[in-house]
Amino acid sequence: MPSSSIEDYLKYIYHIQSADKKVNTTSLAGTLNISPASVSEMISKLSKMGWITNTPYKGFQLTKEGEKISLALIRKHRLLEVFLHQHLNYEWDEVHEEAEHLEHVCSDNFINKLEEYLGYPKFDPHGDAIPDKNGKIIESKNFMLSESKTSKDYIITKVDDTSDEILKYLSKIGIRLNTKIHINEKLDFDGSVLISIGNKKQLLSKVMVEHIFVTESV
């Protein structure tokens, strides 16, 4: 079985790859907040194990086996987040760090039983799709709030969980998953967006807009 550090590397390669970004030493070092030298050493190890391919000037890509390991870990992480949020009353800005600690010690059997207990949820508390036990994951149809159009209604379907501070602030102003919002104005000069939640207006900065994903309200 791969070590927890190897699992983390494969998981973050998957996340960067899924965002259609180039996976290289620099992007991984920044994501994991470690030195490029440490990344290079681990990449060599992962390549020898057959879990990634490393093509000069093109970056790293997960092999099928590497992707299988990363999706299994992501599945554990997101199901644990659902359990913490729904049954232990953790806020959505608290579940990520707790799940990071727990995901490496849970067996596949435990996670399968947890999924059954939770009623086979499809999404975690931040709106990310949960892979099933075969590694299949629902394709998302949402898009970044920055791509929205003025005078239209949208439903919040996902919020990037990389910033606890942003999650806390969004909770404070009444934004959760499935919140309906109206786009009043988009300010091109700084990328901010003026929205309405019910009768209340809120100005969201460019940084926040890039953390929020939506679908059109029917």
N, C-alpha and C. Protein backbone atom coordinates (compact mmCIF):
# COMPACT_ATOMS: atom_id res chain seq x y z
N MET A 1 0.84 -1.19 0.00
CA MET A 1 0.00 0.00 0.00
C MET A 1 0.89 1.26 0.00
N PRO A 2 0.50 2.29 -0.77
CA PRO A 2 1.29 3.53 -0.78
C PRO A 2 1.22 4.24 0.56
N SER A 3 2.26 4.98 0.91
CA SER A 3 2.28 5.75 2.15
C SER A 3 1.34 6.95 2.03
N SER A 4 1.04 7.58 3.15
CA SER A 4 0.14 8.74 3.13
C SER A 4 0.71 9.88 2.30
N SER A 5 2.03 10.07 2.35
CA SER A 5 2.63 11.15 1.57
C SER A 5 2.52 10.88 0.07
N ILE A 6 2.68 9.62 -0.33
CA ILE A 6 2.53 9.26 -1.74
C ILE A 6 1.08 9.45 -2.17
N GLU A 7 0.14 9.03 -1.34
CA GLU A 7 -1.28 9.23 -1.65
C GLU A 7 -1.58 10.71 -1.85
N ASP A 8 -1.02 11.55 -0.98
CA ASP A 8 -1.26 12.99 -1.10
C ASP A 8 -0.72 13.54 -2.41
N TYR A 9 0.47 13.12 -2.79
CA TYR A 9 1.04 13.56 -4.06
C TYR A 9 0.12 13.19 -5.23
N LEU A 10 -0.32 11.94 -5.24
CA LEU A 10 -1.19 11.48 -6.34
C LEU A 10 -2.51 12.24 -6.35
N LYS A 11 -3.03 12.51 -5.16
CA LYS A 11 -4.30 13.25 -5.05
C LYS A 11 -4.16 14.66 -5.62
N TYR A 12 -3.07 15.34 -5.25
CA TYR A 12 -2.90 16.72 -5.71
C TYR A 12 -2.53 16.80 -7.18
N ILE A 13 -1.84 15.80 -7.68
CA ILE A 13 -1.61 15.74 -9.13
C ILE A 13 -2.95 15.62 -9.85
N TYR A 14 -3.83 14.78 -9.29
CA TYR A 14 -5.17 14.62 -9.90
C TYR A 14 -5.92 15.95 -9.90
N HIS A 15 -5.90 16.67 -8.77
CA HIS A 15 -6.62 17.94 -8.68
C HIS A 15 -6.10 18.97 -9.69
N ILE A 16 -4.78 19.09 -9.80
CA ILE A 16 -4.20 20.05 -10.74
C ILE A 16 -4.52 19.65 -12.17
N GLN A 17 -4.39 18.35 -12.45
CA GLN A 17 -4.68 17.79 -13.77
C GLN A 17 -6.14 18.04 -14.16
N SER A 18 -7.05 17.86 -13.19
CA SER A 18 -8.49 18.02 -13.44
C SER A 18 -8.87 19.46 -13.73
N ALA A 19 -8.05 20.39 -13.24
CA ALA A 19 -8.31 21.81 -13.50
C ALA A 19 -7.70 22.25 -14.83
N ASP A 20 -7.27 21.26 -15.64
CA ASP A 20 -6.67 21.52 -16.95
C ASP A 20 -5.42 22.39 -16.86
N LYS A 21 -4.70 22.23 -15.76
CA LYS A 21 -3.44 22.96 -15.60
C LYS A 21 -2.27 21.99 -15.76
N LYS A 22 -1.13 22.54 -16.14
CA LYS A 22 0.07 21.73 -16.31
C LYS A 22 0.59 21.31 -14.93
N VAL A 23 0.85 20.02 -14.77
CA VAL A 23 1.39 19.51 -13.51
C VAL A 23 2.91 19.40 -13.66
N ASN A 24 3.63 20.24 -12.94
CA ASN A 24 5.09 20.18 -12.97
C ASN A 24 5.64 20.38 -11.56
N THR A 25 6.93 20.41 -11.44
CA THR A 25 7.57 20.55 -10.12
C THR A 25 7.13 21.84 -9.44
N THR A 26 7.05 22.93 -10.20
CA THR A 26 6.69 24.23 -9.63
C THR A 26 5.26 24.24 -9.11
N SER A 27 4.31 23.73 -9.90
CA SER A 27 2.90 23.75 -9.48
C SER A 27 2.68 22.85 -8.27
N LEU A 28 3.36 21.70 -8.23
CA LEU A 28 3.22 20.80 -7.09
C LEU A 28 3.87 21.38 -5.83
N ALA A 29 5.04 21.99 -5.97
CA ALA A 29 5.73 22.59 -4.83
C ALA A 29 4.87 23.69 -4.22
N GLY A 30 4.22 24.49 -5.08
CA GLY A 30 3.35 25.56 -4.60
C GLY A 30 2.12 25.02 -3.91
N THR A 31 1.50 23.98 -4.47
CA THR A 31 0.30 23.39 -3.90
C THR A 31 0.58 22.74 -2.55
N LEU A 32 1.69 22.02 -2.47
CA LEU A 32 2.03 21.29 -1.25
C LEU A 32 2.87 22.11 -0.27
N ASN A 33 3.29 23.30 -0.71
CA ASN A 33 4.09 24.20 0.12
C ASN A 33 5.39 23.55 0.60
N ILE A 34 6.08 22.91 -0.33
CA ILE A 34 7.38 22.28 -0.02
C ILE A 34 8.38 22.66 -1.11
N SER A 35 9.63 22.30 -0.91
CA SER A 35 10.68 22.71 -1.85
C SER A 35 10.61 21.92 -3.16
N PRO A 36 10.98 22.56 -4.28
CA PRO A 36 11.03 21.86 -5.57
C PRO A 36 11.94 20.62 -5.53
N ALA A 37 13.01 20.67 -4.72
CA ALA A 37 13.92 19.52 -4.62
C ALA A 37 13.21 18.30 -4.05
N SER A 38 12.38 18.53 -3.03
CA SER A 38 11.61 17.43 -2.42
C SER A 38 10.61 16.85 -3.41
N VAL A 39 10.00 17.74 -4.19
CA VAL A 39 9.04 17.29 -5.21
C VAL A 39 9.75 16.44 -6.26
N SER A 40 10.89 16.87 -6.72
CA SER A 40 11.65 16.13 -7.75
C SER A 40 11.99 14.72 -7.27
N GLU A 41 12.37 14.60 -6.01
CA GLU A 41 12.71 13.30 -5.44
C GLU A 41 11.50 12.37 -5.42
N MET A 42 10.33 12.93 -5.01
CA MET A 42 9.11 12.11 -4.96
C MET A 42 8.62 11.75 -6.37
N ILE A 43 8.74 12.68 -7.30
CA ILE A 43 8.31 12.42 -8.67
C ILE A 43 9.09 11.26 -9.28
N SER A 44 10.37 11.22 -8.99
CA SER A 44 11.22 10.11 -9.46
C SER A 44 10.72 8.79 -8.90
N LYS A 45 10.34 8.79 -7.63
CA LYS A 45 9.85 7.58 -6.97
C LYS A 45 8.50 7.15 -7.58
N LEU A 46 7.60 8.11 -7.77
CA LEU A 46 6.28 7.79 -8.32
C LEU A 46 6.38 7.25 -9.74
N SER A 47 7.32 7.80 -10.49
CA SER A 47 7.52 7.35 -11.87
C SER A 47 8.02 5.90 -11.90
N LYS A 48 8.97 5.58 -11.01
CA LYS A 48 9.51 4.22 -10.93
C LYS A 48 8.44 3.22 -10.51
N MET A 49 7.50 3.66 -9.68
CA MET A 49 6.42 2.79 -9.22
C MET A 49 5.33 2.60 -10.28
N GLY A 50 5.38 3.40 -11.34
CA GLY A 50 4.41 3.27 -12.41
C GLY A 50 3.11 4.00 -12.16
N TRP A 51 3.12 4.97 -11.26
CA TRP A 51 1.90 5.69 -10.92
C TRP A 51 1.76 7.03 -11.64
N ILE A 52 2.85 7.50 -12.23
CA ILE A 52 2.79 8.69 -13.07
C ILE A 52 3.71 8.50 -14.27
N THR A 53 3.46 9.27 -15.31
CA THR A 53 4.41 9.38 -16.41
C THR A 53 5.00 10.79 -16.34
N ASN A 54 6.26 10.90 -16.59
CA ASN A 54 6.95 12.18 -16.50
C ASN A 54 7.58 12.48 -17.85
N THR A 55 6.93 13.35 -18.64
CA THR A 55 7.41 13.68 -19.97
C THR A 55 8.11 15.03 -19.94
N PRO A 56 9.38 15.09 -20.32
CA PRO A 56 10.11 16.37 -20.31
C PRO A 56 9.35 17.47 -21.06
N TYR A 57 9.26 18.64 -20.41
CA TYR A 57 8.62 19.84 -20.95
C TYR A 57 7.09 19.75 -21.01
N LYS A 58 6.53 18.58 -20.70
CA LYS A 58 5.07 18.44 -20.74
C LYS A 58 4.47 18.20 -19.35
N GLY A 59 5.34 17.88 -18.39
CA GLY A 59 4.86 17.70 -17.02
C GLY A 59 4.49 16.26 -16.70
N PHE A 60 3.78 16.09 -15.59
CA PHE A 60 3.43 14.76 -15.09
C PHE A 60 1.97 14.44 -15.39
N GLN A 61 1.70 13.17 -15.60
CA GLN A 61 0.33 12.69 -15.79
C GLN A 61 0.17 11.40 -15.00
N LEU A 62 -0.99 11.23 -14.38
CA LEU A 62 -1.26 9.98 -13.67
C LEU A 62 -1.47 8.84 -14.65
N THR A 63 -0.94 7.67 -14.32
CA THR A 63 -1.29 6.46 -15.06
C THR A 63 -2.65 5.99 -14.56
N LYS A 64 -3.21 4.95 -15.16
CA LYS A 64 -4.51 4.44 -14.71
C LYS A 64 -4.45 3.98 -13.26
N GLU A 65 -3.34 3.34 -12.88
CA GLU A 65 -3.19 2.88 -11.50
C GLU A 65 -3.02 4.06 -10.54
N GLY A 66 -2.29 5.07 -10.97
CA GLY A 66 -2.13 6.26 -10.14
C GLY A 66 -3.44 6.99 -9.94
N GLU A 67 -4.24 7.06 -11.00
CA GLU A 67 -5.55 7.71 -10.91
C GLU A 67 -6.49 6.93 -9.99
N LYS A 68 -6.41 5.61 -10.06
CA LYS A 68 -7.23 4.75 -9.19
C LYS A 68 -6.94 5.03 -7.72
N ILE A 69 -5.66 5.16 -7.38
CA ILE A 69 -5.28 5.43 -5.99
C ILE A 69 -5.76 6.81 -5.56
N SER A 70 -5.59 7.80 -6.43
CA SER A 70 -5.98 9.16 -6.08
C SER A 70 -7.50 9.28 -5.91
N LEU A 71 -8.27 8.64 -6.77
CA LEU A 71 -9.73 8.70 -6.67
C LEU A 71 -10.25 7.99 -5.42
N ALA A 72 -9.57 6.91 -5.03
CA ALA A 72 -9.96 6.21 -3.80
C ALA A 72 -9.77 7.11 -2.59
N LEU A 73 -8.68 7.89 -2.59
CA LEU A 73 -8.41 8.80 -1.47
C LEU A 73 -9.39 9.97 -1.48
N ILE A 74 -9.68 10.50 -2.67
CA ILE A 74 -10.65 11.60 -2.78
C ILE A 74 -12.02 11.13 -2.32
N ARG A 75 -12.39 9.90 -2.66
CA ARG A 75 -13.67 9.33 -2.22
C ARG A 75 -13.74 9.29 -0.69
N LYS A 76 -12.68 8.81 -0.05
CA LYS A 76 -12.64 8.77 1.42
C LYS A 76 -12.77 10.17 2.00
N HIS A 77 -12.00 11.10 1.45
CA HIS A 77 -12.00 12.47 1.95
C HIS A 77 -13.39 13.10 1.90
N ARG A 78 -14.05 12.98 0.78
CA ARG A 78 -15.33 13.66 0.59
C ARG A 78 -16.47 13.00 1.37
N LEU A 79 -16.43 11.68 1.50
CA LEU A 79 -17.44 11.02 2.33
C LEU A 79 -17.24 11.37 3.81
N LEU A 80 -16.00 11.47 4.24
CA LEU A 80 -15.72 11.89 5.61
C LEU A 80 -16.21 13.31 5.85
N GLU A 81 -16.05 14.17 4.87
CA GLU A 81 -16.54 15.55 5.00
C GLU A 81 -18.06 15.57 5.17
N VAL A 82 -18.75 14.75 4.41
CA VAL A 82 -20.22 14.67 4.54
C VAL A 82 -20.61 14.23 5.94
N PHE A 83 -19.94 13.19 6.44
CA PHE A 83 -20.24 12.68 7.78
C PHE A 83 -19.98 13.75 8.85
N LEU A 84 -18.85 14.41 8.78
CA LEU A 84 -18.50 15.44 9.76
C LEU A 84 -19.50 16.59 9.74
N HIS A 85 -19.91 16.97 8.53
CA HIS A 85 -20.83 18.11 8.37
C HIS A 85 -22.26 17.76 8.80
N GLN A 86 -22.73 16.60 8.37
CA GLN A 86 -24.13 16.24 8.62
C GLN A 86 -24.38 15.66 9.99
N HIS A 87 -23.42 14.94 10.54
CA HIS A 87 -23.67 14.20 11.78
C HIS A 87 -22.89 14.69 12.99
N LEU A 88 -21.80 15.42 12.76
CA LEU A 88 -21.03 15.95 13.89
C LEU A 88 -21.06 17.47 13.95
N ASN A 89 -21.90 18.07 13.08
CA ASN A 89 -22.13 19.52 13.09
C ASN A 89 -20.88 20.37 12.86
N TYR A 90 -19.94 19.83 12.10
CA TYR A 90 -18.80 20.66 11.68
C TYR A 90 -19.29 21.65 10.62
N GLU A 91 -18.75 22.87 10.67
CA GLU A 91 -19.06 23.85 9.62
C GLU A 91 -18.31 23.46 8.35
N TRP A 92 -18.75 23.98 7.20
CA TRP A 92 -18.11 23.58 5.94
C TRP A 92 -16.68 24.10 5.82
N ASP A 93 -16.30 25.09 6.64
CA ASP A 93 -14.91 25.54 6.64
C ASP A 93 -14.03 24.73 7.59
N GLU A 94 -14.61 23.78 8.32
CA GLU A 94 -13.86 22.97 9.28
C GLU A 94 -13.60 21.54 8.82
N VAL A 95 -14.41 21.06 7.87
CA VAL A 95 -14.36 19.64 7.53
C VAL A 95 -13.12 19.22 6.74
N HIS A 96 -12.58 20.12 5.93
CA HIS A 96 -11.46 19.74 5.05
C HIS A 96 -10.24 19.28 5.84
N GLU A 97 -9.82 20.09 6.79
CA GLU A 97 -8.62 19.76 7.56
C GLU A 97 -8.80 18.47 8.36
N GLU A 98 -10.00 18.29 8.94
CA GLU A 98 -10.26 17.07 9.72
C GLU A 98 -10.23 15.84 8.83
N ALA A 99 -10.83 15.95 7.65
CA ALA A 99 -10.85 14.82 6.70
C ALA A 99 -9.45 14.50 6.20
N GLU A 100 -8.59 15.52 6.08
CA GLU A 100 -7.21 15.30 5.66
C GLU A 100 -6.49 14.34 6.62
N HIS A 101 -6.78 14.46 7.90
CA HIS A 101 -6.15 13.60 8.90
C HIS A 101 -6.72 12.18 8.87
N LEU A 102 -8.02 12.08 8.64
CA LEU A 102 -8.71 10.80 8.75
C LEU A 102 -8.62 9.93 7.50
N GLU A 103 -8.47 10.54 6.33
CA GLU A 103 -8.59 9.80 5.07
C GLU A 103 -7.57 8.68 4.92
N HIS A 104 -6.39 8.83 5.52
CA HIS A 104 -5.33 7.85 5.34
C HIS A 104 -5.47 6.62 6.24
N VAL A 105 -6.33 6.70 7.24
CA VAL A 105 -6.44 5.58 8.20
C VAL A 105 -7.73 4.78 8.03
N CYS A 106 -8.58 5.17 7.09
CA CYS A 106 -9.85 4.47 6.89
C CYS A 106 -9.71 3.41 5.80
N SER A 107 -10.17 2.22 6.09
CA SER A 107 -10.13 1.14 5.09
C SER A 107 -11.22 1.35 4.05
N ASP A 108 -11.06 0.69 2.90
CA ASP A 108 -12.08 0.76 1.85
C ASP A 108 -13.40 0.20 2.36
N ASN A 109 -13.34 -0.86 3.15
CA ASN A 109 -14.55 -1.48 3.69
C ASN A 109 -15.30 -0.50 4.59
N PHE A 110 -14.56 0.21 5.44
CA PHE A 110 -15.19 1.20 6.32
C PHE A 110 -15.87 2.29 5.49
N ILE A 111 -15.18 2.76 4.47
CA ILE A 111 -15.71 3.85 3.64
C ILE A 111 -16.96 3.39 2.88
N ASN A 112 -16.96 2.15 2.40
CA ASN A 112 -18.14 1.63 1.71
C ASN A 112 -19.34 1.58 2.65
N LYS A 113 -19.09 1.18 3.89
CA LYS A 113 -20.18 1.12 4.88
C LYS A 113 -20.62 2.53 5.28
N LEU A 114 -19.66 3.46 5.35
CA LEU A 114 -20.00 4.84 5.67
C LEU A 114 -20.86 5.44 4.56
N GLU A 115 -20.52 5.15 3.32
CA GLU A 115 -21.31 5.65 2.18
C GLU A 115 -22.74 5.14 2.27
N GLU A 116 -22.91 3.86 2.59
CA GLU A 116 -24.24 3.28 2.74
C GLU A 116 -25.00 3.96 3.89
N TYR A 117 -24.32 4.16 5.01
CA TYR A 117 -24.94 4.81 6.18
C TYR A 117 -25.40 6.23 5.84
N LEU A 118 -24.63 6.92 5.02
CA LEU A 118 -24.95 8.31 4.67
C LEU A 118 -26.01 8.41 3.57
N GLY A 119 -26.40 7.26 3.01
CA GLY A 119 -27.43 7.28 1.96
C GLY A 119 -26.90 7.55 0.58
N TYR A 120 -25.64 7.17 0.32
CA TYR A 120 -24.99 7.29 -0.98
C TYR A 120 -25.02 8.74 -1.52
N PRO A 121 -24.45 9.68 -0.77
CA PRO A 121 -24.43 11.07 -1.23
C PRO A 121 -23.60 11.21 -2.50
N LYS A 122 -24.00 12.14 -3.35
CA LYS A 122 -23.30 12.37 -4.62
C LYS A 122 -22.29 13.51 -4.53
N PHE A 123 -22.48 14.41 -3.53
CA PHE A 123 -21.61 15.58 -3.43
C PHE A 123 -21.20 15.83 -1.98
N ASP A 124 -20.02 16.41 -1.80
CA ASP A 124 -19.56 16.75 -0.46
C ASP A 124 -20.13 18.11 -0.04
N PRO A 125 -19.83 18.61 1.17
CA PRO A 125 -20.42 19.87 1.63
C PRO A 125 -20.03 21.10 0.81
N HIS A 126 -19.00 20.98 -0.03
CA HIS A 126 -18.58 22.11 -0.87
C HIS A 126 -19.08 21.99 -2.31
N GLY A 127 -19.80 20.88 -2.60
CA GLY A 127 -20.35 20.69 -3.94
C GLY A 127 -19.48 19.88 -4.86
N ASP A 128 -18.39 19.31 -4.35
CA ASP A 128 -17.54 18.45 -5.19
C ASP A 128 -18.14 17.06 -5.29
N ALA A 129 -18.11 16.49 -6.48
CA ALA A 129 -18.68 15.16 -6.71
C ALA A 129 -17.87 14.09 -5.99
N ILE A 130 -18.55 13.09 -5.44
CA ILE A 130 -17.91 11.99 -4.71
C ILE A 130 -17.77 10.79 -5.65
N PRO A 131 -16.54 10.32 -5.87
CA PRO A 131 -16.37 9.11 -6.72
C PRO A 131 -17.06 7.91 -6.08
N ASP A 132 -17.63 7.03 -6.91
CA ASP A 132 -18.21 5.80 -6.35
C ASP A 132 -17.09 4.79 -6.11
N LYS A 133 -17.44 3.60 -5.61
CA LYS A 133 -16.39 2.64 -5.24
C LYS A 133 -15.63 2.09 -6.44
N ASN A 134 -16.14 2.35 -7.65
CA ASN A 134 -15.42 1.94 -8.86
C ASN A 134 -14.60 3.09 -9.45
N GLY A 135 -14.60 4.22 -8.75
CA GLY A 135 -13.82 5.36 -9.22
C GLY A 135 -14.54 6.24 -10.22
N LYS A 136 -15.83 5.96 -10.48
CA LYS A 136 -16.58 6.79 -11.42
C LYS A 136 -17.04 8.06 -10.69
N ILE A 137 -16.97 9.17 -11.40
CA ILE A 137 -17.32 10.46 -10.80
C ILE A 137 -18.22 11.25 -11.74
N ILE A 138 -19.24 11.89 -11.18
CA ILE A 138 -20.19 12.65 -11.98
C ILE A 138 -19.50 13.84 -12.62
N GLU A 139 -19.74 14.04 -13.92
CA GLU A 139 -19.17 15.20 -14.59
C GLU A 139 -19.94 16.44 -14.21
N SER A 140 -19.22 17.47 -13.81
CA SER A 140 -19.85 18.71 -13.36
C SER A 140 -20.27 19.57 -14.55
N LYS A 141 -21.45 20.17 -14.41
CA LYS A 141 -21.95 21.08 -15.46
C LYS A 141 -21.93 22.52 -14.96
N ASN A 142 -21.32 22.73 -13.80
CA ASN A 142 -21.29 24.10 -13.29
C ASN A 142 -20.14 24.89 -13.92
N PHE A 143 -20.15 26.18 -13.68
CA PHE A 143 -19.11 27.06 -14.22
C PHE A 143 -18.85 28.18 -13.23
N MET A 144 -17.70 28.83 -13.39
CA MET A 144 -17.29 29.86 -12.45
C MET A 144 -18.25 31.05 -12.50
N LEU A 145 -18.50 31.63 -11.34
CA LEU A 145 -19.40 32.78 -11.25
C LEU A 145 -18.95 33.93 -12.13
N SER A 146 -17.64 34.03 -12.34
CA SER A 146 -17.11 35.11 -13.20
C SER A 146 -17.63 35.01 -14.63
N GLU A 147 -18.12 33.82 -15.02
CA GLU A 147 -18.63 33.61 -16.38
C GLU A 147 -20.14 33.86 -16.47
N SER A 148 -20.75 34.30 -15.37
CA SER A 148 -22.20 34.55 -15.35
C SER A 148 -22.54 35.82 -16.14
N LYS A 149 -23.83 36.01 -16.37
CA LYS A 149 -24.29 37.19 -17.12
C LYS A 149 -25.19 38.03 -16.22
N THR A 150 -25.16 39.32 -16.45
CA THR A 150 -25.98 40.23 -15.64
C THR A 150 -27.47 40.00 -15.90
N SER A 151 -28.27 40.33 -14.88
CA SER A 151 -29.73 40.25 -14.92
C SER A 151 -30.25 38.81 -15.02
N LYS A 152 -29.41 37.84 -14.64
CA LYS A 152 -29.84 36.45 -14.66
C LYS A 152 -29.73 35.85 -13.26
N ASP A 153 -30.49 34.77 -13.03
CA ASP A 153 -30.48 34.06 -11.75
C ASP A 153 -29.64 32.79 -11.85
N TYR A 154 -28.93 32.48 -10.76
CA TYR A 154 -28.08 31.30 -10.72
C TYR A 154 -28.22 30.59 -9.37
N ILE A 155 -27.82 29.31 -9.36
CA ILE A 155 -27.81 28.52 -8.13
C ILE A 155 -26.35 28.19 -7.80
N ILE A 156 -25.95 28.43 -6.53
CA ILE A 156 -24.61 28.08 -6.10
C ILE A 156 -24.52 26.55 -5.99
N THR A 157 -23.63 25.94 -6.77
CA THR A 157 -23.52 24.48 -6.78
C THR A 157 -22.19 23.97 -6.24
N LYS A 158 -21.21 24.87 -6.13
CA LYS A 158 -19.90 24.45 -5.62
C LYS A 158 -19.12 25.67 -5.14
N VAL A 159 -18.36 25.47 -4.06
CA VAL A 159 -17.46 26.52 -3.58
C VAL A 159 -16.10 25.87 -3.34
N ASP A 160 -15.06 26.44 -3.93
CA ASP A 160 -13.70 25.92 -3.76
C ASP A 160 -13.35 25.92 -2.28
N ASP A 161 -12.85 24.78 -1.79
CA ASP A 161 -12.60 24.66 -0.34
C ASP A 161 -11.16 24.94 0.06
N THR A 162 -10.39 25.59 -0.83
CA THR A 162 -8.98 25.82 -0.52
C THR A 162 -8.77 26.98 0.46
N SER A 163 -9.78 27.81 0.69
CA SER A 163 -9.65 28.93 1.62
C SER A 163 -10.74 28.87 2.68
N ASP A 164 -10.35 28.58 3.92
CA ASP A 164 -11.32 28.56 5.02
C ASP A 164 -11.91 29.94 5.26
N GLU A 165 -11.10 30.99 5.07
CA GLU A 165 -11.57 32.36 5.31
C GLU A 165 -12.69 32.74 4.35
N ILE A 166 -12.55 32.32 3.10
CA ILE A 166 -13.60 32.61 2.11
C ILE A 166 -14.88 31.85 2.47
N LEU A 167 -14.75 30.59 2.87
CA LEU A 167 -15.93 29.81 3.27
C LEU A 167 -16.64 30.46 4.45
N LYS A 168 -15.86 30.92 5.43
CA LYS A 168 -16.44 31.59 6.60
C LYS A 168 -17.18 32.85 6.20
N TYR A 169 -16.57 33.63 5.31
CA TYR A 169 -17.20 34.89 4.90
C TYR A 169 -18.48 34.63 4.11
N LEU A 170 -18.45 33.63 3.22
CA LEU A 170 -19.65 33.32 2.45
C LEU A 170 -20.79 32.88 3.35
N SER A 171 -20.47 32.11 4.40
CA SER A 171 -21.50 31.72 5.38
C SER A 171 -22.07 32.96 6.05
N LYS A 172 -21.20 33.90 6.38
CA LYS A 172 -21.61 35.13 7.08
C LYS A 172 -22.60 35.94 6.26
N ILE A 173 -22.41 35.96 4.93
CA ILE A 173 -23.31 36.77 4.09
C ILE A 173 -24.48 35.96 3.52
N GLY A 174 -24.60 34.70 3.96
CA GLY A 174 -25.77 33.91 3.58
C GLY A 174 -25.62 33.06 2.35
N ILE A 175 -24.39 32.81 1.92
CA ILE A 175 -24.18 31.96 0.74
C ILE A 175 -23.82 30.55 1.19
N ARG A 176 -24.62 29.58 0.73
CA ARG A 176 -24.41 28.15 0.96
C ARG A 176 -24.64 27.43 -0.36
N LEU A 177 -24.45 26.14 -0.37
CA LEU A 177 -24.82 25.37 -1.57
C LEU A 177 -26.32 25.51 -1.79
N ASN A 178 -26.70 25.56 -3.04
CA ASN A 178 -28.10 25.68 -3.47
C ASN A 178 -28.72 27.03 -3.18
N THR A 179 -27.91 28.02 -2.75
CA THR A 179 -28.42 29.39 -2.59
C THR A 179 -28.70 29.98 -3.97
N LYS A 180 -29.86 30.62 -4.10
CA LYS A 180 -30.20 31.28 -5.37
C LYS A 180 -29.72 32.73 -5.32
N ILE A 181 -29.03 33.15 -6.36
CA ILE A 181 -28.53 34.53 -6.41
C ILE A 181 -28.95 35.18 -7.73
N HIS A 182 -28.96 36.50 -7.73
CA HIS A 182 -29.26 37.28 -8.95
C HIS A 182 -28.05 38.15 -9.24
N ILE A 183 -27.63 38.19 -10.49
CA ILE A 183 -26.49 39.01 -10.89
C ILE A 183 -26.98 40.39 -11.27
N ASN A 184 -26.62 41.38 -10.44
CA ASN A 184 -27.04 42.76 -10.70
C ASN A 184 -26.07 43.50 -11.63
N GLU A 185 -24.79 43.30 -11.37
CA GLU A 185 -23.79 44.04 -12.14
C GLU A 185 -22.44 43.35 -12.06
N LYS A 186 -21.70 43.40 -13.17
CA LYS A 186 -20.33 42.89 -13.20
C LYS A 186 -19.40 44.07 -13.49
N LEU A 187 -18.44 44.27 -12.59
CA LEU A 187 -17.54 45.41 -12.71
C LEU A 187 -16.24 44.97 -13.40
N ASP A 188 -16.13 45.29 -14.68
CA ASP A 188 -15.01 44.82 -15.47
C ASP A 188 -13.66 45.34 -14.99
N PHE A 189 -13.63 46.53 -14.41
CA PHE A 189 -12.34 47.14 -14.06
C PHE A 189 -11.63 46.41 -12.92
N ASP A 190 -12.38 45.70 -12.05
CA ASP A 190 -11.71 44.94 -11.00
C ASP A 190 -12.21 43.50 -10.85
N GLY A 191 -13.11 43.10 -11.74
CA GLY A 191 -13.58 41.71 -11.74
C GLY A 191 -14.56 41.35 -10.64
N SER A 192 -15.04 42.33 -9.88
CA SER A 192 -16.02 42.05 -8.82
C SER A 192 -17.43 41.95 -9.40
N VAL A 193 -18.33 41.34 -8.62
CA VAL A 193 -19.71 41.12 -9.08
C VAL A 193 -20.68 41.53 -7.97
N LEU A 194 -21.69 42.32 -8.33
CA LEU A 194 -22.73 42.71 -7.39
C LEU A 194 -23.90 41.73 -7.54
N ILE A 195 -24.22 41.03 -6.46
CA ILE A 195 -25.29 40.04 -6.49
C ILE A 195 -26.39 40.39 -5.49
N SER A 196 -27.54 39.75 -5.67
CA SER A 196 -28.62 39.84 -4.69
C SER A 196 -28.93 38.45 -4.17
N ILE A 197 -29.11 38.35 -2.85
CA ILE A 197 -29.60 37.13 -2.21
C ILE A 197 -30.90 37.52 -1.55
N GLY A 198 -32.02 37.18 -2.20
CA GLY A 198 -33.30 37.69 -1.73
C GLY A 198 -33.32 39.20 -1.96
N ASN A 199 -33.58 39.96 -0.91
CA ASN A 199 -33.62 41.42 -1.01
C ASN A 199 -32.30 42.08 -0.61
N LYS A 200 -31.29 41.26 -0.30
CA LYS A 200 -30.03 41.78 0.20
C LYS A 200 -28.97 41.76 -0.90
N LYS A 201 -28.26 42.88 -1.07
CA LYS A 201 -27.21 42.96 -2.08
C LYS A 201 -25.83 42.77 -1.45
N GLN A 202 -24.94 42.10 -2.20
CA GLN A 202 -23.58 41.87 -1.74
C GLN A 202 -22.62 42.06 -2.91
N LEU A 203 -21.50 42.71 -2.63
CA LEU A 203 -20.45 42.87 -3.64
C LEU A 203 -19.37 41.82 -3.38
N LEU A 204 -19.15 40.95 -4.35
CA LEU A 204 -18.15 39.90 -4.22
C LEU A 204 -16.90 40.28 -5.01
N SER A 205 -15.74 40.17 -4.36
CA SER A 205 -14.48 40.51 -5.02
C SER A 205 -14.13 39.48 -6.09
N LYS A 206 -13.15 39.82 -6.91
CA LYS A 206 -12.68 38.91 -7.96
C LYS A 206 -12.21 37.58 -7.37
N VAL A 207 -11.51 37.63 -6.23
CA VAL A 207 -11.03 36.41 -5.60
C VAL A 207 -12.19 35.51 -5.21
N MET A 208 -13.23 36.09 -4.62
CA MET A 208 -14.39 35.28 -4.21
C MET A 208 -15.13 34.72 -5.41
N VAL A 209 -15.30 35.54 -6.42
CA VAL A 209 -16.01 35.12 -7.63
C VAL A 209 -15.33 33.91 -8.26
N GLU A 210 -14.00 33.85 -8.15
CA GLU A 210 -13.25 32.74 -8.74
C GLU A 210 -13.30 31.48 -7.88
N HIS A 211 -13.86 31.57 -6.68
CA HIS A 211 -14.02 30.40 -5.80
C HIS A 211 -15.44 29.83 -5.84
N ILE A 212 -16.35 30.54 -6.53
CA ILE A 212 -17.76 30.14 -6.52
C ILE A 212 -18.16 29.62 -7.90
N PHE A 213 -18.89 28.49 -7.90
CA PHE A 213 -19.37 27.88 -9.15
C PHE A 213 -20.90 27.79 -9.12
N VAL A 214 -21.50 27.95 -10.28
CA VAL A 214 -22.95 28.05 -10.37
C VAL A 214 -23.51 27.27 -11.56
N THR A 215 -24.82 27.08 -11.51
CA THR A 215 -25.57 26.67 -12.70
C THR A 215 -26.72 27.65 -12.87
N GLU A 216 -27.26 27.73 -14.06
CA GLU A 216 -28.38 28.65 -14.31
C GLU A 216 -29.60 28.17 -13.56
N SER A 217 -30.33 29.12 -12.98
CA SER A 217 -31.58 28.81 -12.30
C SER A 217 -32.68 28.61 -13.32
N VAL A 218 -33.38 27.50 -13.23
CA VAL A 218 -34.44 27.20 -14.19
C VAL A 218 -35.73 27.89 -13.78
